[in-house]
Amino acid sequence: MNYEISLLTTMAIAVMFALSLNLITGFCGQISLGHATFQGVGAYAAAMLGQAGWPFLATLPLAMILAGLLGVIVGLASLRVRADFLAITTMGVGFLFVGIVRQQDVLGGELGISSIPDHGLGRVGFMALALVVCAAVAALSVYIKRSWMGRVFIGIAEDEDTMRVLGIDVPRYKLAAFAMGTALAGLSGAFYAYHLNFIGAESFGFVESITVLSMVVFGGIGSVPGVIIAAALLSVLPAWFQVIGDYKLLVYGGLLFLMMRFSPGGMTGLAKRLFTAKAPAQGGQS
């Protein structure tokens, strides 16, 4: 029973994390190769606040705020760069974060932080809270996508120059997407820290950034249901198949390549093509 509870909690955290990147990359078209940095900021903030005596629930908003503030800083830099240059910028931020954490004893250094206090909710209670928060993040993602802001995000992703001509304040919306996405990543990081009771710099490095990007691409960039399914599936595969855990970067990197080459729309795009190809055939038979 404990194994199933842990697995469900892991899935909920992964879905939160993937949806946070989907808001930036899927909705607004900003490629981030250092998204794990913001999860790391939330995780370290929650862990250190917990060690200082803060209750778990009180650490959640502060973890979001700190991750969101860093997101604003990185977002301001992203306003001056596009496409590949933005990806390189965020990747550099990720390497910088890992390097700083490893050099600072107050952050646990190479050994990480292992004395994270108990959240006091019990295994089932913590899992239930993670699932509820995950559902709330999913609902928020759907709401944003259907809102005016979401339509602007998608318009920027498709043709940024046209949106500028239409009078849209593109920098403001890009910054808003980065701030919201990174804040949600920080929220997932707080849950991650208290779920494992241990965090280290390697947990938020380049491999994890590629992992979450793979979830978004595999599910379908911009698709909320697709990303939820992909994140839930890919988060438990290493537990089911040990070889995936041993070669995580290779497997997820290969998955990224195959999806971008043969099905850029991910599972969602593939399902749509199969459905539209099948529908005319059925209509012709009738």
C-alpha atoms as a PDB file:
ATOM      1  CA  MET A   1       0.000   0.000   0.000  1.00  0.00           C
ATOM      2  CA  ASN A   2       2.815   2.425   0.838  1.00  0.00           C
ATOM      3  CA  TYR A   3       4.322   1.802  -2.598  1.00  0.00           C
ATOM      4  CA  GLU A   4       1.079   2.735  -4.384  1.00  0.00           C
ATOM      5  CA  ILE A   5       0.686   5.856  -2.247  1.00  0.00           C
ATOM      6  CA  SER A   6       4.240   6.928  -3.027  1.00  0.00           C
ATOM      7  CA  LEU A   7       3.697   6.272  -6.723  1.00  0.00           C
ATOM      8  CA  LEU A   8       0.522   8.352  -6.857  1.00  0.00           C
ATOM      9  CA  THR A   9       2.259  11.192  -5.020  1.00  0.00           C
ATOM     10  CA  THR A  10       5.164  11.059  -7.462  1.00  0.00           C
ATOM     11  CA  MET A  11       2.756  11.188 -10.392  1.00  0.00           C
ATOM     12  CA  ALA A  12       0.892  14.191  -8.949  1.00  0.00           C
ATOM     13  CA  ILE A  13       4.145  16.127  -8.448  1.00  0.00           C
ATOM     14  CA  ALA A  14       5.340  15.264 -11.957  1.00  0.00           C
ATOM     15  CA  VAL A  15       2.056  16.421 -13.476  1.00  0.00           C
ATOM     16  CA  MET A  16       2.272  19.741 -11.598  1.00  0.00           C
ATOM     17  CA  PHE A  17       5.815  20.198 -12.833  1.00  0.00           C
ATOM     18  CA  ALA A  18       4.997  19.329 -16.460  1.00  0.00           C
ATOM     19  CA  LEU A  19       1.957  21.617 -16.522  1.00  0.00           C
ATOM     20  CA  SER A  20       4.105  24.483 -15.233  1.00  0.00           C
ATOM     21  CA  LEU A  21       6.447  24.099 -18.216  1.00  0.00           C
ATOM     22  CA  ASN A  22       3.517  23.633 -20.587  1.00  0.00           C
ATOM     23  CA  LEU A  23       2.311  27.077 -19.604  1.00  0.00           C
ATOM     24  CA  ILE A  24       5.621  28.588 -20.731  1.00  0.00           C
ATOM     25  CA  THR A  25       6.567  26.368 -23.662  1.00  0.00           C
ATOM     26  CA  GLY A  26       3.225  24.910 -24.699  1.00  0.00           C
ATOM     27  CA  PHE A  27       1.098  28.036 -24.470  1.00  0.00           C
ATOM     28  CA  CYS A  28       3.596  30.833 -25.098  1.00  0.00           C
ATOM     29  CA  GLY A  29       6.196  29.043 -27.228  1.00  0.00           C
ATOM     30  CA  GLN A  30       9.196  29.899 -25.032  1.00  0.00           C
ATOM     31  CA  ILE A  31      11.647  27.006 -24.957  1.00  0.00           C
ATOM     32  CA  SER A  32      13.206  26.416 -21.533  1.00  0.00           C
ATOM     33  CA  LEU A  33      16.031  23.928 -20.992  1.00  0.00           C
ATOM     34  CA  GLY A  34      16.529  24.860 -17.353  1.00  0.00           C
ATOM     35  CA  HIS A  35      13.047  24.536 -15.921  1.00  0.00           C
ATOM     36  CA  ALA A  36      14.208  22.190 -13.160  1.00  0.00           C
ATOM     37  CA  THR A  37      16.002  25.200 -11.662  1.00  0.00           C
ATOM     38  CA  PHE A  38      12.697  26.712 -10.581  1.00  0.00           C
ATOM     39  CA  GLN A  39      11.518  23.450  -9.079  1.00  0.00           C
ATOM     40  CA  GLY A  40      14.825  23.386  -7.232  1.00  0.00           C
ATOM     41  CA  VAL A  41      14.310  26.903  -5.870  1.00  0.00           C
ATOM     42  CA  GLY A  42      10.916  25.867  -4.515  1.00  0.00           C
ATOM     43  CA  ALA A  43      12.327  22.659  -3.053  1.00  0.00           C
ATOM     44  CA  TYR A  44      15.245  24.349  -1.292  1.00  0.00           C
ATOM     45  CA  ALA A  45      13.045  27.191  -0.055  1.00  0.00           C
ATOM     46  CA  ALA A  46      10.513  24.772   1.436  1.00  0.00           C
ATOM     47  CA  ALA A  47      13.229  22.578   2.967  1.00  0.00           C
ATOM     48  CA  MET A  48      15.068  25.466   4.600  1.00  0.00           C
ATOM     49  CA  LEU A  49      11.897  27.100   5.847  1.00  0.00           C
ATOM     50  CA  GLY A  50      10.836  23.741   7.273  1.00  0.00           C
ATOM     51  CA  GLN A  51      14.149  23.445   9.083  1.00  0.00           C
ATOM     52  CA  ALA A  52      13.536  26.927  10.493  1.00  0.00           C
ATOM     53  CA  GLY A  53      10.295  25.719  12.038  1.00  0.00           C
ATOM     54  CA  TRP A  54       7.763  26.734   9.391  1.00  0.00           C
ATOM     55  CA  PRO A  55       4.810  24.330   8.896  1.00  0.00           C
ATOM     56  CA  PHE A  56       4.662  22.639   5.507  1.00  0.00           C
ATOM     57  CA  LEU A  57       1.556  24.461   4.269  1.00  0.00           C
ATOM     58  CA  ALA A  58       3.127  27.830   5.078  1.00  0.00           C
ATOM     59  CA  THR A  59       6.178  27.018   2.939  1.00  0.00           C
ATOM     60  CA  LEU A  60       4.089  26.483  -0.227  1.00  0.00           C
ATOM     61  CA  PRO A  61       3.252  30.125  -1.059  1.00  0.00           C
ATOM     62  CA  LEU A  62       6.771  31.293  -0.234  1.00  0.00           C
ATOM     63  CA  ALA A  63       8.285  28.583  -2.434  1.00  0.00           C
ATOM     64  CA  MET A  64       6.050  29.792  -5.255  1.00  0.00           C
ATOM     65  CA  ILE A  65       6.959  33.434  -4.687  1.00  0.00           C
ATOM     66  CA  LEU A  66      10.716  32.814  -4.675  1.00  0.00           C
ATOM     67  CA  ALA A  67      10.584  30.614  -7.779  1.00  0.00           C
ATOM     68  CA  GLY A  68       8.319  33.139  -9.477  1.00  0.00           C
ATOM     69  CA  LEU A  69      10.675  36.019  -8.665  1.00  0.00           C
ATOM     70  CA  LEU A  70      13.569  34.137 -10.229  1.00  0.00           C
ATOM     71  CA  GLY A  71      11.283  33.439 -13.165  1.00  0.00           C
ATOM     72  CA  VAL A  72      10.657  37.155 -13.575  1.00  0.00           C
ATOM     73  CA  ILE A  73      14.408  37.817 -13.602  1.00  0.00           C
ATOM     74  CA  VAL A  74      15.014  35.121 -16.210  1.00  0.00           C
ATOM     75  CA  GLY A  75      11.911  36.259 -18.060  1.00  0.00           C
ATOM     76  CA  LEU A  76      13.279  39.789 -18.308  1.00  0.00           C
ATOM     77  CA  ALA A  77      16.365  38.328 -19.950  1.00  0.00           C
ATOM     78  CA  SER A  78      14.160  36.270 -22.276  1.00  0.00           C
ATOM     79  CA  LEU A  79      12.573  39.433 -23.658  1.00  0.00           C
ATOM     80  CA  ARG A  80      15.803  40.178 -25.501  1.00  0.00           C
ATOM     81  CA  VAL A  81      16.372  36.739 -26.982  1.00  0.00           C
ATOM     82  CA  ARG A  82      14.350  34.249 -28.985  1.00  0.00           C
ATOM     83  CA  ALA A  83      14.174  30.582 -29.904  1.00  0.00           C
ATOM     84  CA  ASP A  84      17.563  28.868 -29.625  1.00  0.00           C
ATOM     85  CA  PHE A  85      19.118  31.734 -27.671  1.00  0.00           C
ATOM     86  CA  LEU A  86      16.387  31.541 -25.042  1.00  0.00           C
ATOM     87  CA  ALA A  87      16.924  27.801 -24.697  1.00  0.00           C
ATOM     88  CA  ILE A  88      20.651  28.372 -24.183  1.00  0.00           C
ATOM     89  CA  THR A  89      19.972  31.155 -21.650  1.00  0.00           C
ATOM     90  CA  THR A  90      17.704  28.971 -19.525  1.00  0.00           C
ATOM     91  CA  MET A  91      20.117  26.057 -19.777  1.00  0.00           C
ATOM     92  CA  GLY A  92      22.883  28.329 -18.511  1.00  0.00           C
ATOM     93  CA  VAL A  93      20.716  29.393 -15.564  1.00  0.00           C
ATOM     94  CA  GLY A  94      20.236  25.721 -14.739  1.00  0.00           C
ATOM     95  CA  PHE A  95      23.967  25.002 -14.686  1.00  0.00           C
ATOM     96  CA  LEU A  96      24.541  28.144 -12.617  1.00  0.00           C
ATOM     97  CA  PHE A  97      21.949  27.055 -10.044  1.00  0.00           C
ATOM     98  CA  VAL A  98      23.485  23.595  -9.652  1.00  0.00           C
ATOM     99  CA  GLY A  99      26.958  25.096  -9.317  1.00  0.00           C
ATOM    100  CA  ILE A 100      25.885  27.576  -6.653  1.00  0.00           C
ATOM    101  CA  VAL A 101      24.050  24.945  -4.605  1.00  0.00           C
ATOM    102  CA  ARG A 102      27.022  22.594  -4.663  1.00  0.00           C
ATOM    103  CA  GLN A 103      29.351  25.311  -3.401  1.00  0.00           C
ATOM    104  CA  GLN A 104      27.183  26.578  -0.546  1.00  0.00           C
ATOM    105  CA  ASP A 105      27.277  24.652   2.737  1.00  0.00           C
ATOM    106  CA  VAL A 106      24.154  26.462   3.930  1.00  0.00           C
ATOM    107  CA  LEU A 107      22.318  24.749   1.057  1.00  0.00           C
ATOM    108  CA  GLY A 108      23.760  21.355   1.901  1.00  0.00           C
ATOM    109  CA  GLY A 109      26.576  21.510  -0.640  1.00  0.00           C
ATOM    110  CA  GLU A 110      27.385  18.227  -2.378  1.00  0.00           C
ATOM    111  CA  LEU A 111      25.585  16.232   0.324  1.00  0.00           C
ATOM    112  CA  GLY A 112      22.245  17.981  -0.106  1.00  0.00           C
ATOM    113  CA  ILE A 113      19.623  18.495   2.598  1.00  0.00           C
ATOM    114  CA  SER A 114      18.419  15.359   4.335  1.00  0.00           C
ATOM    115  CA  SER A 115      16.947  16.650   7.607  1.00  0.00           C
ATOM    116  CA  ILE A 116      13.685  17.942   6.139  1.00  0.00           C
ATOM    117  CA  PRO A 117      11.000  17.931   8.869  1.00  0.00           C
ATOM    118  CA  ASP A 118       7.919  15.753   8.570  1.00  0.00           C
ATOM    119  CA  HIS A 119       4.943  17.475   6.967  1.00  0.00           C
ATOM    120  CA  GLY A 120       2.614  16.091   9.647  1.00  0.00           C
ATOM    121  CA  LEU A 121      -0.092  15.026   7.189  1.00  0.00           C
ATOM    122  CA  GLY A 122       0.642  11.320   7.070  1.00  0.00           C
ATOM    123  CA  ARG A 123       1.270   9.424   3.822  1.00  0.00           C
ATOM    124  CA  VAL A 124      -2.370   9.331   2.762  1.00  0.00           C
ATOM    125  CA  GLY A 125      -3.008  12.941   3.734  1.00  0.00           C
ATOM    126  CA  PHE A 126       0.049  14.165   1.846  1.00  0.00           C
ATOM    127  CA  MET A 127      -0.935  12.147  -1.223  1.00  0.00           C
ATOM    128  CA  ALA A 128      -4.485  13.513  -1.079  1.00  0.00           C
ATOM    129  CA  LEU A 129      -3.206  17.095  -0.818  1.00  0.00           C
ATOM    130  CA  ALA A 130      -0.800  16.546  -3.732  1.00  0.00           C
ATOM    131  CA  LEU A 131      -3.634  15.175  -5.883  1.00  0.00           C
ATOM    132  CA  VAL A 132      -5.944  18.064  -4.974  1.00  0.00           C
ATOM    133  CA  VAL A 133      -3.275  20.664  -5.743  1.00  0.00           C
ATOM    134  CA  CYS A 134      -2.431  18.815  -8.971  1.00  0.00           C
ATOM    135  CA  ALA A 135      -6.096  18.941  -9.999  1.00  0.00           C
ATOM    136  CA  ALA A 136      -6.171  22.664  -9.164  1.00  0.00           C
ATOM    137  CA  VAL A 137      -3.101  23.313 -11.334  1.00  0.00           C
ATOM    138  CA  ALA A 138      -4.717  21.354 -14.180  1.00  0.00           C
ATOM    139  CA  ALA A 139      -7.950  23.349 -13.825  1.00  0.00           C
ATOM    140  CA  LEU A 140      -5.958  26.590 -13.784  1.00  0.00           C
ATOM    141  CA  SER A 141      -4.132  25.530 -16.953  1.00  0.00           C
ATOM    142  CA  VAL A 142      -7.425  24.850 -18.741  1.00  0.00           C
ATOM    143  CA  TYR A 143      -8.835  28.170 -17.540  1.00  0.00           C
ATOM    144  CA  ILE A 144      -5.785  30.120 -18.711  1.00  0.00           C
ATOM    145  CA  LYS A 145      -5.785  28.391 -22.104  1.00  0.00           C
ATOM    146  CA  ARG A 146      -9.435  29.286 -22.710  1.00  0.00           C
ATOM    147  CA  SER A 147      -9.094  32.845 -21.417  1.00  0.00           C
ATOM    148  CA  TRP A 148      -8.121  35.959 -23.330  1.00  0.00           C
ATOM    149  CA  MET A 149      -4.633  35.692 -21.854  1.00  0.00           C
ATOM    150  CA  GLY A 150      -4.300  32.132 -23.106  1.00  0.00           C
ATOM    151  CA  ARG A 151      -5.331  33.155 -26.603  1.00  0.00           C
ATOM    152  CA  VAL A 152      -2.697  35.877 -26.532  1.00  0.00           C
ATOM    153  CA  PHE A 153      -0.093  33.348 -25.347  1.00  0.00           C
ATOM    154  CA  ILE A 154      -0.941  31.019 -28.232  1.00  0.00           C
ATOM    155  CA  GLY A 155      -0.890  33.913 -30.682  1.00  0.00           C
ATOM    156  CA  ILE A 156       2.595  34.882 -29.501  1.00  0.00           C
ATOM    157  CA  ALA A 157       3.760  31.291 -29.914  1.00  0.00           C
ATOM    158  CA  GLU A 158       2.421  31.143 -33.475  1.00  0.00           C
ATOM    159  CA  ASP A 159       3.461  34.585 -34.740  1.00  0.00           C
ATOM    160  CA  GLU A 160       4.987  37.042 -32.318  1.00  0.00           C
ATOM    161  CA  ASP A 161       5.474  39.790 -34.912  1.00  0.00           C
ATOM    162  CA  THR A 162       1.824  39.740 -35.941  1.00  0.00           C
ATOM    163  CA  MET A 163       0.762  40.083 -32.320  1.00  0.00           C
ATOM    164  CA  ARG A 164       2.974  43.149 -32.002  1.00  0.00           C
ATOM    165  CA  VAL A 165       1.342  44.665 -35.088  1.00  0.00           C
ATOM    166  CA  LEU A 166      -2.068  44.045 -33.506  1.00  0.00           C
ATOM    167  CA  GLY A 167      -1.006  46.153 -30.529  1.00  0.00           C
ATOM    168  CA  ILE A 168      -0.410  43.341 -28.058  1.00  0.00           C
ATOM    169  CA  ASP A 169       2.197  44.078 -25.386  1.00  0.00           C
ATOM    170  CA  VAL A 170       4.200  40.916 -26.162  1.00  0.00           C
ATOM    171  CA  PRO A 171       6.948  41.412 -23.531  1.00  0.00           C
ATOM    172  CA  ARG A 172       4.366  41.783 -20.757  1.00  0.00           C
ATOM    173  CA  TYR A 173       2.574  38.574 -21.703  1.00  0.00           C
ATOM    174  CA  LYS A 174       5.804  36.619 -22.134  1.00  0.00           C
ATOM    175  CA  LEU A 175       6.910  37.775 -18.696  1.00  0.00           C
ATOM    176  CA  ALA A 176       3.540  36.815 -17.214  1.00  0.00           C
ATOM    177  CA  ALA A 177       3.836  33.306 -18.670  1.00  0.00           C
ATOM    178  CA  PHE A 178       7.330  32.897 -17.246  1.00  0.00           C
ATOM    179  CA  ALA A 179       6.298  34.178 -13.824  1.00  0.00           C
ATOM    180  CA  MET A 180       3.256  31.893 -13.550  1.00  0.00           C
ATOM    181  CA  GLY A 181       5.008  28.831 -14.949  1.00  0.00           C
ATOM    182  CA  THR A 182       8.037  29.151 -12.701  1.00  0.00           C
ATOM    183  CA  ALA A 183       5.879  29.819  -9.623  1.00  0.00           C
ATOM    184  CA  LEU A 184       3.992  26.570 -10.278  1.00  0.00           C
ATOM    185  CA  ALA A 185       7.321  24.788 -10.735  1.00  0.00           C
ATOM    186  CA  GLY A 186       8.330  26.081  -7.302  1.00  0.00           C
ATOM    187  CA  LEU A 187       5.091  24.682  -5.884  1.00  0.00           C
ATOM    188  CA  SER A 188       5.909  21.238  -7.282  1.00  0.00           C
ATOM    189  CA  GLY A 189       9.406  21.573  -5.817  1.00  0.00           C
ATOM    190  CA  ALA A 190       8.041  22.109  -2.317  1.00  0.00           C
ATOM    191  CA  PHE A 191       5.992  18.926  -2.604  1.00  0.00           C
ATOM    192  CA  TYR A 192       9.016  17.116  -4.035  1.00  0.00           C
ATOM    193  CA  ALA A 193      11.222  18.061  -1.086  1.00  0.00           C
ATOM    194  CA  TYR A 194       8.717  16.920   1.544  1.00  0.00           C
ATOM    195  CA  HIS A 195       7.827  13.787  -0.394  1.00  0.00           C
ATOM    196  CA  LEU A 196      11.403  12.482  -0.566  1.00  0.00           C
ATOM    197  CA  ASN A 197      12.656  14.134   2.655  1.00  0.00           C
ATOM    198  CA  PHE A 198      15.911  14.723   0.804  1.00  0.00           C
ATOM    199  CA  ILE A 199      17.060  17.052  -1.962  1.00  0.00           C
ATOM    200  CA  GLY A 200      20.363  17.487  -3.728  1.00  0.00           C
ATOM    201  CA  ALA A 201      21.642  19.631  -6.577  1.00  0.00           C
ATOM    202  CA  GLU A 202      21.603  16.692  -9.002  1.00  0.00           C
ATOM    203  CA  SER A 203      17.822  16.424  -8.589  1.00  0.00           C
ATOM    204  CA  PHE A 204      17.347  19.726 -10.409  1.00  0.00           C
ATOM    205  CA  GLY A 205      19.976  19.581 -13.113  1.00  0.00           C
ATOM    206  CA  PHE A 206      19.896  19.386 -16.892  1.00  0.00           C
ATOM    207  CA  VAL A 207      18.645  15.788 -16.924  1.00  0.00           C
ATOM    208  CA  GLU A 208      15.500  16.745 -15.010  1.00  0.00           C
ATOM    209  CA  SER A 209      14.910  19.707 -17.308  1.00  0.00           C
ATOM    210  CA  ILE A 210      15.085  17.391 -20.316  1.00  0.00           C
ATOM    211  CA  THR A 211      12.802  14.936 -18.537  1.00  0.00           C
ATOM    212  CA  VAL A 212      10.037  17.475 -17.982  1.00  0.00           C
ATOM    213  CA  LEU A 213      10.447  18.825 -21.526  1.00  0.00           C
ATOM    214  CA  SER A 214      10.046  15.265 -22.797  1.00  0.00           C
ATOM    215  CA  MET A 215       6.776  14.997 -20.873  1.00  0.00           C
ATOM    216  CA  VAL A 216       5.438  18.147 -22.535  1.00  0.00           C
ATOM    217  CA  VAL A 217       6.556  17.124 -26.032  1.00  0.00           C
ATOM    218  CA  PHE A 218       5.375  13.531 -25.624  1.00  0.00           C
ATOM    219  CA  GLY A 219       1.947  14.623 -24.398  1.00  0.00           C
ATOM    220  CA  GLY A 220       1.567  17.318 -27.037  1.00  0.00           C
ATOM    221  CA  ILE A 221       2.899  20.844 -26.690  1.00  0.00           C
ATOM    222  CA  GLY A 222       0.071  23.016 -25.388  1.00  0.00           C
ATOM    223  CA  SER A 223      -2.294  20.134 -24.680  1.00  0.00           C
ATOM    224  CA  VAL A 224      -3.346  19.990 -21.031  1.00  0.00           C
ATOM    225  CA  PRO A 225      -4.840  16.446 -21.102  1.00  0.00           C
ATOM    226  CA  GLY A 226      -1.928  15.143 -23.170  1.00  0.00           C
ATOM    227  CA  VAL A 227       0.687  16.562 -20.837  1.00  0.00           C
ATOM    228  CA  ILE A 228      -1.125  15.151 -17.796  1.00  0.00           C
ATOM    229  CA  ILE A 229      -1.160  11.647 -19.299  1.00  0.00           C
ATOM    230  CA  ALA A 230       2.449  11.848 -20.477  1.00  0.00           C
ATOM    231  CA  ALA A 231       3.737  13.180 -17.153  1.00  0.00           C
ATOM    232  CA  ALA A 232       1.870  10.519 -15.193  1.00  0.00           C
ATOM    233  CA  LEU A 233       3.179   7.775 -17.474  1.00  0.00           C
ATOM    234  CA  LEU A 234       6.797   8.898 -17.779  1.00  0.00           C
ATOM    235  CA  SER A 235       7.106   9.618 -14.055  1.00  0.00           C
ATOM    236  CA  VAL A 236       6.419   5.989 -13.134  1.00  0.00           C
ATOM    237  CA  LEU A 237       8.303   4.256 -15.963  1.00  0.00           C
ATOM    238  CA  PRO A 238      11.676   4.389 -14.134  1.00  0.00           C
ATOM    239  CA  ALA A 239      10.034   2.659 -11.167  1.00  0.00           C
ATOM    240  CA  TRP A 240       8.588  -0.062 -13.399  1.00  0.00           C
ATOM    241  CA  PHE A 241      11.610  -0.519 -15.659  1.00  0.00           C
ATOM    242  CA  GLN A 242      14.996  -0.154 -13.950  1.00  0.00           C
ATOM    243  CA  VAL A 243      16.843   0.202 -17.258  1.00  0.00           C
ATOM    244  CA  ILE A 244      15.031   3.496 -17.906  1.00  0.00           C
ATOM    245  CA  GLY A 245      16.278   4.859 -14.595  1.00  0.00           C
ATOM    246  CA  ASP A 246      19.841   3.859 -15.502  1.00  0.00           C
ATOM    247  CA  TYR A 247      19.694   5.530 -18.918  1.00  0.00           C
ATOM    248  CA  LYS A 248      17.175   8.268 -18.242  1.00  0.00           C
ATOM    249  CA  LEU A 249      18.793  11.007 -20.319  1.00  0.00           C
ATOM    250  CA  LEU A 250      19.316   8.655 -23.266  1.00  0.00           C
ATOM    251  CA  VAL A 251      15.734   7.355 -23.190  1.00  0.00           C
ATOM    252  CA  TYR A 252      14.063  10.741 -22.789  1.00  0.00           C
ATOM    253  CA  GLY A 253      16.423  12.408 -25.252  1.00  0.00           C
ATOM    254  CA  GLY A 254      15.591   9.738 -27.799  1.00  0.00           C
ATOM    255  CA  LEU A 255      11.906  10.190 -27.070  1.00  0.00           C
ATOM    256  CA  LEU A 256      12.232  13.916 -27.705  1.00  0.00           C
ATOM    257  CA  PHE A 257      13.962  13.288 -31.038  1.00  0.00           C
ATOM    258  CA  LEU A 258      11.409  10.726 -32.227  1.00  0.00           C
ATOM    259  CA  MET A 259       8.428  12.849 -31.272  1.00  0.00           C
ATOM    260  CA  MET A 260       9.784  16.035 -32.855  1.00  0.00           C
ATOM    261  CA  ARG A 261      10.729  14.121 -36.005  1.00  0.00           C
ATOM    262  CA  PHE A 262       7.657  11.968 -36.550  1.00  0.00           C
ATOM    263  CA  SER A 263       4.892  13.483 -34.401  1.00  0.00           C
ATOM    264  CA  PRO A 264       5.523  17.121 -33.358  1.00  0.00           C
ATOM    265  CA  GLY A 265       2.040  17.194 -31.853  1.00  0.00           C
ATOM    266  CA  GLY A 266       2.933  14.389 -29.440  1.00  0.00           C
ATOM    267  CA  MET A 267       0.351  11.827 -28.382  1.00  0.00           C
ATOM    268  CA  THR A 268      -2.412  14.398 -28.842  1.00  0.00           C
ATOM    269  CA  GLY A 269      -1.427  15.116 -32.442  1.00  0.00           C
ATOM    270  CA  LEU A 270      -0.990  11.426 -33.208  1.00  0.00           C
ATOM    271  CA  ALA A 271      -4.432  10.610 -31.787  1.00  0.00           C
ATOM    272  CA  LYS A 272      -6.026  13.382 -33.870  1.00  0.00           C
ATOM    273  CA  ARG A 273      -4.387  12.115 -37.069  1.00  0.00           C
ATOM    274  CA  LEU A 274      -5.481   8.568 -36.391  1.00  0.00           C
ATOM    275  CA  PHE A 275      -9.027   9.699 -35.645  1.00  0.00           C
ATOM    276  CA  THR A 276      -9.335  11.891 -38.743  1.00  0.00           C
ATOM    277  CA  ALA A 277      -7.847   9.150 -40.926  1.00  0.00           C
ATOM    278  CA  LYS A 278     -10.281   6.582 -39.554  1.00  0.00           C
ATOM    279  CA  ALA A 279     -13.396   8.737 -39.750  1.00  0.00           C
ATOM    280  CA  PRO A 280     -13.489   9.129 -43.586  1.00  0.00           C
ATOM    281  CA  ALA A 281     -12.872   5.405 -44.000  1.00  0.00           C
ATOM    282  CA  GLN A 282     -15.865   4.611 -41.796  1.00  0.00           C
ATOM    283  CA  GLY A 283     -17.961   7.190 -43.628  1.00  0.00           C
ATOM    284  CA  GLY A 284     -17.085   5.640 -46.987  1.00  0.00           C
ATOM    285  CA  GLN A 285     -18.142   2.172 -45.796  1.00  0.00           C
ATOM    286  CA  SER A 286     -21.518   3.458 -44.708  1.00  0.00           C
END
